[in-house]
Protein backbone atom coordinates (compact mmCIF):
# COMPACT_ATOMS: atom_id res chain seq x y z
CA MET A 1 225.59 134.76 57.38
CA ASN A 2 224.56 134.39 61.01
CA PHE A 3 220.81 134.37 61.50
CA ASP A 4 220.89 133.81 65.26
CA PHE A 5 218.62 136.27 67.03
CA THR A 6 220.08 138.74 69.50
CA GLU A 7 218.60 138.99 72.97
CA GLU A 8 217.01 142.25 71.87
CA GLN A 9 215.34 140.55 68.90
CA ILE A 10 214.09 137.64 71.03
CA LEU A 11 212.52 140.15 73.43
CA LEU A 12 211.10 142.11 70.50
CA ARG A 13 209.38 139.03 69.07
CA LYS A 14 207.95 138.17 72.48
CA THR A 15 206.69 141.72 72.96
CA VAL A 16 204.97 141.94 69.57
CA ARG A 17 203.49 138.44 69.91
CA GLN A 18 202.01 139.30 73.29
CA PHE A 19 200.66 142.55 71.87
CA VAL A 20 198.99 140.69 69.00
CA ASP A 21 197.50 138.07 71.30
CA ARG A 22 196.18 140.74 73.66
CA GLU A 23 195.10 143.57 71.35
CA ILE A 24 194.31 142.02 67.95
CA MET A 25 193.31 138.38 68.29
CA PRO A 26 190.24 138.97 70.53
CA ASN A 27 188.84 141.62 68.15
CA ILE A 28 189.90 140.73 64.64
CA ARG A 29 186.87 138.67 63.61
CA LYS A 30 184.57 141.55 64.58
CA TRP A 31 186.76 144.13 62.82
CA ASP A 32 187.00 141.97 59.71
CA ARG A 33 183.22 141.54 59.56
CA GLN A 34 182.68 145.27 60.04
CA GLY A 35 185.42 146.37 57.65
CA TYR A 36 186.82 148.48 60.47
CA PHE A 37 190.41 149.57 61.06
CA ASP A 38 191.08 150.49 64.68
CA PRO A 39 193.48 153.46 64.71
CA ASN A 40 194.16 152.88 68.41
CA ILE A 41 196.33 149.91 67.40
CA LEU A 42 198.77 152.32 65.75
CA LYS A 43 198.87 154.47 68.89
CA ARG A 44 199.69 151.43 71.01
CA LEU A 45 202.36 150.31 68.55
CA ALA A 46 203.85 153.79 68.83
CA GLU A 47 203.93 153.47 72.62
CA LEU A 48 206.02 150.31 72.14
CA GLY A 49 208.39 152.15 69.76
CA LEU A 50 207.31 150.01 66.80
CA MET A 51 206.28 152.71 64.32
CA GLY A 52 209.92 153.61 63.71
CA VAL A 53 211.57 150.33 64.57
CA CYS A 54 214.56 150.70 62.21
CA ILE A 55 214.71 154.49 62.09
CA PRO A 56 217.76 156.00 63.86
CA GLU A 57 217.20 157.22 67.40
CA LYS A 58 218.29 160.72 66.41
CA TYR A 59 215.21 160.88 64.17
CA GLY A 60 212.84 159.55 66.81
CA GLY A 61 213.06 155.82 65.99
CA SER A 62 214.10 152.76 67.95
CA GLY A 63 217.41 152.28 66.08
CA MET A 64 216.97 148.55 65.43
CA ASP A 65 218.08 146.70 62.28
CA TYR A 66 216.11 145.51 59.27
CA ASN A 67 215.61 141.97 60.49
CA SER A 68 214.04 143.45 63.62
CA LEU A 69 211.58 145.17 61.28
CA ALA A 70 210.98 141.76 59.68
CA ILE A 71 210.20 140.26 63.08
CA VAL A 72 207.65 143.00 63.79
CA CYS A 73 205.95 142.49 60.40
CA GLU A 74 205.92 138.71 60.78
CA GLU A 75 204.28 138.84 64.19
CA LEU A 76 201.76 141.52 63.21
CA GLU A 77 200.59 139.54 60.18
CA ARG A 78 200.16 136.52 62.39
CA GLY A 79 197.38 138.64 63.91
CA ASP A 80 196.06 140.15 60.68
CA THR A 81 197.46 141.43 57.41
CA ALA A 82 195.83 144.84 57.95
CA PHE A 83 198.20 145.80 60.76
CA ARG A 84 201.32 144.54 59.05
CA THR A 85 200.22 146.54 56.01
CA ALA A 86 200.00 149.67 58.13
CA VAL A 87 203.61 149.26 59.30
CA SER A 88 204.75 148.33 55.78
CA VAL A 89 203.35 151.54 54.35
CA HIS A 90 204.15 153.87 57.24
CA THR A 91 207.69 152.60 57.87
CA GLY A 92 208.77 150.66 54.78
CA LEU A 93 207.40 152.84 52.00
CA ASN A 94 207.25 156.27 53.62
CA SER A 95 209.59 156.74 56.60
CA LEU A 96 212.57 154.81 55.20
CA THR A 97 212.16 156.73 51.93
CA LEU A 98 212.29 160.02 53.82
CA LEU A 99 215.38 158.78 55.64
CA GLN A 100 217.10 157.91 52.37
CA TRP A 101 216.06 160.83 50.17
CA GLY A 102 214.86 163.64 52.44
CA THR A 103 216.69 166.82 53.31
CA GLU A 104 217.52 167.42 56.94
CA GLU A 105 214.65 169.90 57.13
CA GLN A 106 212.23 167.33 55.68
CA LYS A 107 213.44 164.69 58.12
CA GLN A 108 212.93 166.97 61.10
CA LYS A 109 209.49 168.08 59.93
CA TYR A 110 208.08 164.76 58.71
CA LEU A 111 210.27 161.80 59.65
CA VAL A 112 210.71 162.55 63.36
CA PRO A 113 206.97 162.69 64.20
CA GLN A 114 206.36 159.62 62.02
CA ALA A 115 209.07 157.59 63.72
CA LYS A 116 207.56 158.50 67.08
CA GLY A 117 204.11 157.52 65.82
CA GLU A 118 202.75 161.02 66.37
CA LYS A 119 201.98 161.28 62.64
CA ILE A 120 201.16 158.57 60.11
CA GLY A 121 202.73 158.29 56.65
CA ALA A 122 201.40 156.76 53.43
CA PHE A 123 202.54 156.26 49.83
CA GLY A 124 200.79 157.30 46.63
CA LEU A 125 202.04 155.64 43.44
CA THR A 126 199.31 153.38 42.00
CA GLU A 127 196.64 154.91 39.74
CA PRO A 128 193.50 153.53 38.03
CA GLN A 129 195.48 153.01 34.80
CA ALA A 130 198.95 152.55 36.27
CA GLY A 131 199.91 149.63 38.49
CA SER A 132 202.90 147.58 37.39
CA ASP A 133 203.53 150.12 34.61
CA VAL A 134 204.68 153.04 36.73
CA ALA A 135 205.47 155.19 33.69
CA ALA A 136 201.74 155.19 32.85
CA ILE A 137 200.79 157.44 35.78
CA GLN A 138 198.73 160.49 34.82
CA THR A 139 199.15 162.69 37.90
CA ARG A 140 200.97 165.88 36.98
CA ALA A 141 202.87 168.55 38.92
CA VAL A 142 203.46 171.94 37.29
CA ARG A 143 205.95 174.41 38.78
CA ASP A 144 204.42 177.80 39.60
CA GLY A 145 206.94 180.02 41.34
CA ASP A 146 207.56 178.68 44.81
CA TRP A 147 204.88 176.00 44.40
CA TYR A 148 204.04 172.86 42.47
CA ILE A 149 200.41 172.44 41.39
CA LEU A 150 199.30 168.78 41.56
CA ASN A 151 196.39 167.33 39.63
CA GLY A 152 195.46 163.67 39.42
CA GLN A 153 194.28 160.59 41.28
CA LYS A 154 195.76 157.64 43.15
CA THR A 155 194.03 154.39 44.07
CA TRP A 156 194.50 151.34 46.31
CA ILE A 157 196.31 153.50 48.85
CA SER A 158 196.65 151.95 52.30
CA LEU A 159 195.96 154.30 55.24
CA SER A 160 194.39 156.75 52.80
CA ASP A 161 191.87 158.10 55.33
CA LEU A 162 194.20 157.96 58.33
CA ALA A 163 197.60 159.20 57.17
CA ASP A 164 198.85 162.71 57.84
CA HIS A 165 201.68 162.74 55.25
CA PHE A 166 201.83 161.19 51.79
CA ILE A 167 204.73 160.62 49.41
CA VAL A 168 203.11 161.20 46.02
CA PHE A 169 204.53 160.67 42.53
CA ALA A 170 203.70 162.87 39.56
CA TYR A 171 205.08 163.86 36.19
CA THR A 172 206.96 167.14 36.05
CA ASP A 173 208.13 166.46 32.47
CA ARG A 174 206.18 163.83 30.54
CA SER A 175 208.50 164.10 27.51
CA LYS A 176 211.21 162.34 29.53
CA LYS A 177 208.94 159.36 30.29
CA HIS A 178 209.84 157.73 33.63
CA HIS A 179 212.83 160.09 33.95
CA GLY A 180 210.31 162.93 34.20
CA ILE A 181 208.58 161.62 37.35
CA SER A 182 209.14 163.48 40.63
CA ALA A 183 208.20 162.80 44.24
CA PHE A 184 206.43 165.16 46.64
CA ILE A 185 205.46 165.24 50.29
CA VAL A 186 201.77 166.09 50.55
CA GLU A 187 200.05 166.92 53.82
CA ARG A 188 196.46 166.13 54.67
CA GLY A 189 194.66 169.44 54.89
CA MET A 190 196.27 170.99 51.82
CA GLU A 191 193.54 172.72 49.83
CA GLY A 192 192.25 170.57 46.97
CA PHE A 193 193.44 167.28 48.48
CA SER A 194 190.81 164.70 49.43
CA THR A 195 190.47 160.97 50.06
CA ARG A 196 187.74 158.35 49.68
CA PRO A 197 187.64 154.79 51.08
CA ILE A 198 187.37 151.66 48.92
CA LYS A 199 184.76 149.21 50.15
CA GLY A 200 183.84 145.65 49.17
CA LYS A 201 187.35 144.19 49.27
CA LEU A 202 187.92 140.43 49.09
CA GLY A 203 190.43 140.53 51.94
CA ILE A 204 192.27 142.80 54.39
CA ARG A 205 188.82 144.05 55.34
CA ALA A 206 190.10 145.31 58.68
CA GLY A 207 192.49 147.62 56.84
CA ASN A 208 191.92 151.13 55.55
CA THR A 209 192.29 151.39 51.75
CA GLY A 210 191.18 154.20 49.48
CA GLU A 211 191.75 156.78 46.78
CA LEU A 212 193.56 160.11 46.77
CA PHE A 213 192.38 163.09 44.72
CA PHE A 214 194.45 166.16 43.79
CA ASP A 215 192.54 169.16 42.46
CA HIS A 216 195.04 171.97 41.92
CA VAL A 217 196.82 171.14 45.18
CA LYS A 218 199.53 173.70 45.96
CA VAL A 219 202.62 171.96 47.31
CA PRO A 220 205.57 174.16 48.38
CA LYS A 221 208.81 173.59 46.48
CA GLU A 222 210.43 172.62 49.78
CA ASN A 223 208.27 169.47 49.68
CA LEU A 224 209.93 168.14 46.54
CA LEU A 225 211.60 164.89 47.65
CA GLY A 226 214.97 164.49 45.95
CA GLU A 227 215.44 166.34 42.69
CA GLU A 228 213.04 166.79 39.78
CA GLY A 229 213.09 163.63 37.68
CA GLU A 230 214.27 161.36 40.51
CA GLY A 231 210.79 160.11 41.33
CA PHE A 232 211.16 156.78 39.56
CA LYS A 233 214.43 156.02 41.39
CA ILE A 234 212.83 157.03 44.67
CA ALA A 235 209.81 154.81 44.03
CA MET A 236 211.98 151.80 43.19
CA SER A 237 214.12 152.25 46.30
CA ALA A 238 210.96 152.56 48.39
CA LEU A 239 209.63 149.32 46.92
CA ASP A 240 212.83 147.51 47.95
CA ASN A 241 211.83 148.32 51.54
CA GLY A 242 208.10 147.83 51.11
CA ARG A 243 208.53 144.45 49.44
CA PHE A 244 210.82 143.36 52.24
CA THR A 245 208.12 144.04 54.83
CA VAL A 246 205.47 142.30 52.69
CA ALA A 247 207.67 139.21 52.44
CA ALA A 248 208.23 139.23 56.19
CA GLY A 249 204.50 139.53 56.75
CA ALA A 250 203.89 136.55 54.47
CA VAL A 251 206.13 134.50 56.76
CA GLY A 252 203.81 135.43 59.61
CA LEU A 253 200.76 134.35 57.62
CA ILE A 254 202.31 130.96 56.86
CA SER A 255 203.07 130.61 60.57
CA ALA A 256 199.46 131.45 61.45
CA CYS A 257 198.14 128.90 58.92
CA LEU A 258 200.44 126.24 60.31
CA GLU A 259 199.54 127.05 63.91
CA ALA A 260 195.79 126.88 63.22
CA SER A 261 196.09 123.70 61.14
CA VAL A 262 198.19 121.81 63.66
CA LYS A 263 195.71 122.72 66.40
CA TYR A 264 192.78 121.50 64.30
CA CYS A 265 194.63 118.32 63.29
CA LYS A 266 194.84 117.37 66.96
CA GLU A 267 191.19 118.16 67.68
CA ARG A 268 189.40 116.69 64.66
CA GLU A 269 189.01 112.94 64.21
CA THR A 270 187.92 110.96 61.14
CA PHE A 271 187.87 107.22 60.60
CA GLY A 272 188.71 106.70 64.24
CA LYS A 273 191.86 108.79 64.51
CA PRO A 274 193.03 112.44 64.52
CA ILE A 275 193.19 113.82 60.97
CA GLY A 276 196.87 114.62 61.52
CA HIS A 277 197.53 110.91 61.16
CA HIS A 278 196.28 110.89 57.55
CA GLN A 279 199.14 111.11 55.08
CA LEU A 280 197.59 113.63 52.69
CA VAL A 281 196.95 115.98 55.60
CA GLN A 282 200.53 115.44 56.73
CA GLN A 283 201.68 116.38 53.23
CA MET A 284 199.91 119.75 53.50
CA ILE A 285 201.40 120.34 56.95
CA ALA A 286 204.87 119.43 55.66
CA ASN A 287 204.51 121.83 52.72
CA MET A 288 203.55 124.65 55.09
CA GLU A 289 206.61 123.97 57.23
CA ALA A 290 208.88 123.90 54.17
CA GLY A 291 207.39 127.15 52.87
CA LEU A 292 207.78 128.77 56.28
CA GLN A 293 211.45 127.90 56.64
CA MET A 294 212.42 128.75 53.05
CA SER A 295 210.56 132.06 53.13
CA ARG A 296 212.06 133.07 56.45
CA LEU A 297 215.59 132.40 55.16
CA LEU A 298 214.97 134.45 52.01
CA VAL A 299 213.64 137.35 54.09
CA TYR A 300 216.53 137.36 56.56
CA ARG A 301 219.03 137.10 53.72
CA ALA A 302 217.57 140.25 52.16
CA GLY A 303 217.51 141.90 55.58
CA GLU A 304 221.18 141.16 56.15
CA LEU A 305 222.04 142.77 52.81
CA LYS A 306 220.07 145.83 53.90
CA ASN A 307 221.97 145.86 57.20
CA GLN A 308 225.22 145.93 55.22
CA GLY A 309 224.01 148.77 53.02
CA LYS A 310 224.17 146.62 49.88
CA ARG A 311 221.86 146.72 46.88
CA ASN A 312 219.18 144.06 47.43
CA THR A 313 216.55 144.51 44.72
CA ARG A 314 217.09 141.00 43.34
CA GLU A 315 217.07 139.27 46.72
CA THR A 316 214.10 141.24 48.04
CA SER A 317 212.12 140.52 44.88
CA LEU A 318 212.75 136.79 45.26
CA ALA A 319 211.76 136.85 48.94
CA LYS A 320 208.57 138.76 48.21
CA TRP A 321 207.57 136.52 45.31
CA GLN A 322 208.23 133.22 47.02
CA ALA A 323 206.98 134.10 50.51
CA CYS A 324 203.70 135.49 49.19
CA ASP A 325 203.15 132.46 46.95
CA PHE A 326 203.92 130.10 49.84
CA ALA A 327 201.50 132.04 52.06
CA ASN A 328 198.72 131.84 49.47
CA LYS A 329 199.22 128.08 49.14
CA ALA A 330 199.45 127.60 52.92
CA ALA A 331 196.16 129.44 53.41
CA ASP A 332 194.48 127.36 50.71
CA ASP A 333 195.72 124.15 52.35
CA ALA A 334 194.66 125.38 55.78
CA VAL A 335 191.09 125.81 54.55
CA GLN A 336 191.23 122.33 53.01
CA ILE A 337 192.43 120.81 56.27
CA HIS A 338 189.56 122.46 58.14
CA GLY A 339 187.05 121.15 55.60
CA ALA A 340 183.61 122.75 55.80
CA TYR A 341 184.62 124.66 58.93
CA GLY A 342 187.38 126.31 56.92
CA TYR A 343 184.65 127.99 54.88
CA SER A 344 183.27 129.74 57.96
CA ASP A 345 184.75 132.63 59.93
CA GLU A 346 184.24 130.52 63.04
CA TYR A 347 187.85 129.60 62.30
CA PRO A 348 190.48 132.12 61.14
CA VAL A 349 191.71 130.24 58.07
CA GLU A 350 189.09 131.62 55.66
CA ARG A 351 190.33 135.11 56.57
CA TYR A 352 193.90 133.98 56.01
CA LEU A 353 192.97 132.80 52.52
CA ARG A 354 191.22 136.06 51.64
CA ASN A 355 194.09 138.13 53.04
CA SER A 356 196.76 136.06 51.28
CA LYS A 357 195.67 137.09 47.81
CA ALA A 358 196.42 140.83 47.94
CA PRO A 359 200.18 140.49 48.66
CA VAL A 360 200.51 138.27 45.58
CA ILE A 361 199.33 141.31 43.60
CA TYR A 362 200.56 144.51 45.25
CA GLU A 363 204.14 145.83 45.32
CA GLY A 364 204.91 143.80 42.22
CA THR A 365 202.66 140.99 41.03
CA ARG A 366 204.02 137.45 41.01
CA GLU A 367 204.29 137.85 37.24
CA ILE A 368 206.46 140.96 37.57
CA HIS A 369 208.76 139.24 40.05
CA THR A 370 208.94 136.14 37.85
CA ILE A 371 210.11 138.28 34.94
CA MET A 372 212.58 140.14 37.15
CA GLN A 373 214.20 136.93 38.38
CA ALA A 374 214.44 135.48 34.88
CA GLU A 375 216.01 138.68 33.55
CA TYR A 376 218.60 138.66 36.34
CA VAL A 377 219.56 135.07 35.51
CA LEU A 378 219.68 135.77 31.77
CA GLY A 379 221.75 138.93 32.23
CA ILE A 380 219.02 141.13 30.72
CA ARG A 381 218.56 143.02 34.01
CA LYS A 382 221.51 144.43 35.93
CA ASP A 383 221.23 146.75 38.90
CA LYS A 384 223.18 149.96 38.96
CA PRO A 385 224.11 151.39 42.36
CA LEU A 386 221.74 154.13 43.44
CA HIS A 387 223.54 157.39 44.11
CA LYS A 388 221.62 157.64 47.39
CA THR A 389 221.72 154.43 49.39
CA LEU A 390 221.29 153.83 53.08
CA PRO A 391 224.66 153.27 54.80
CA PRO A 392 225.36 149.99 56.61
CA TRP A 393 223.26 149.43 59.71
CA GLU A 394 226.05 149.65 62.32
CA GLY A 395 227.13 153.07 61.12
CA HIS A 396 223.67 154.15 60.09
CA PHE A 397 222.21 153.91 63.55
CA GLU A 398 224.97 155.57 65.52
CA ASN A 399 223.83 158.65 67.38
């Protein structure tokens, strides 16, 4: 595999990094303190063509590859996890799922404005009693003529109060267990649909997170995504993309921890010399560097498989698990290096530590990914090709 960046990708990284330094870095401490998500950031990302970075140009996107999406997520999380999360949900979980499973009519109606950044997409799977156990969801959809009637609740939904379109999962036949789950496109403004923000979060305070409520929401049959009973397959394919963006973001967080720690190591002196000259501090710096390089390779390996149109559940799971764990450890070490100052938001590392915890939990906890990797090695888990996969990148993005 060749992981050399193209000139386009080098320019992309520079563009996103400059955007983060200009638009996010000067404001993030204030936004984090206030628990405020600035929607103007999404508008500016759209102006740069970054809300549909790997969506084909014919559907309003920029037509770049998956590792370009990884670069965007890495650089955004260097600024703050909230903005990488927004792209993960909008592009990774929603738009790429519409691209893979949507009808042409659905793509024109929903995907095109999302790829352009004119509309925002979100993803509704998790429920109060159903996280890792997807089959435990309680939301139901009952067919009534030309409509489906949705009733239920979703929680921990990113962009809940900002999104225009939601991919929502509900049972259409509970007797079939997870084979009876279906996916629907729900629009904000549909009667009976409402949202409510979640406050008091440990981290990602500058992000919008909330709950979705469905009270006899009438969804037209044309908004069924895929076929009835394909919801579980659709959700799993969406998570392959979402987890990829989370892993890429974790690389950016490790990079931010390393950048802040190296800077502090050169400024702070103890016992007559810069703290970077102390071996135990050097050990923490070395571990961050090792985690950064290993995580980045795992992410780009998964991205290359995506570019080739190959099944990548195993590789993406490993990248997500390891990168998020490395990021959590890097943030913990960064606080330790900063000492008492690391406990104050005068420096960014306390925010990095708070933000690093959520990705270890969402889109598959570290425990779920540990089990997945063990089952692959033991031969207990074997992936079957999905009957609807994205074609290889080179062909996929031809106009």
